[in-house]
């Protein structure tokens, strides 16, 4: 099984009403839930770990996950309200306003020993759950149990408007990166975390500390990856008509993990031996999945019948 742990929420995505005025439409989202949805839709056995409310929006989230065949048996249901995020698109980038006080996601607690990690090939973590102290601490406990047998995937998916102490946040992200076998971030995330440091320099440092694969996504400019054995590999972004970019990075992450899984290269020791061609194939598949997600509004990752994997 592949597992994604973190945020599950409702995005209010921009649209227009019949009079042409600005409006919003509710859609299930949350970076880590999106990753779980994306992996499951492509055909991987997938579970989600995190807090989901029993309120109306929580039921929307649960129904959406079930329809995509995501196992919620490891999720924690509670009567805390659902996190809400309002989205605006500015210069092609999605900007968020979060309403996340005392929510089901914020109150999620990891039950030590509740997951049989010897049956889990990879655990993905990241995004808004790691901003607050409680969520970060619970996720660290989860990783500590998973490290023995599972590959750790990490996407910081930074949300600067939620960060109150940037110095502490940067230290926290460095700590999570130190535990990760696979790190994926956008170029925007990189700039927030590392400023003007050259990508290759930071990638080399991360590989030097034990990370197996580092990937930076660059929107229309595709993705670039660094691997100790396979070297530096790039993949182009497909040319598509963009509805919005919500969930594109999550779709890329899901498809990358799925492609590595299908190639037998997701396990920690196998990831170390991936070939340049295998990595290029995985990156290209992930870029195409992200591109398809961009053609429709909201976080709506592709299904296997829309973009089948082939070796």
Foldseek 3Di string as FASTA:
>chain_A
DAEEEAAKAWEFEWDADPVRDIGTDTDIDDLRLLLQLLLLLQPDQYEYEAFAEPDPRSVVRVVSCVVSVYDDPRYHYYNFAGKYWYWDADPQDIAIDIDDPRHRRQPGAHDPPPDPLQPYAAYEYEDDLCQDPRSVVRVVSVLVVNLVWYAYEYEHNDRVVSHDDLVVVLVSVVVSLLSHQEYEYEPVVCCSNPNPPDPVVVLVVSVVSPHAKYKYQYVQQAIWMAGPPQGIATEGADDDDFPGQAQLSSSLSSQLCSLCVVVVQRHNVSSNVDHNVSNRLSRHLSRHQSRVCRRDPHSDTHGCVVRPDDD
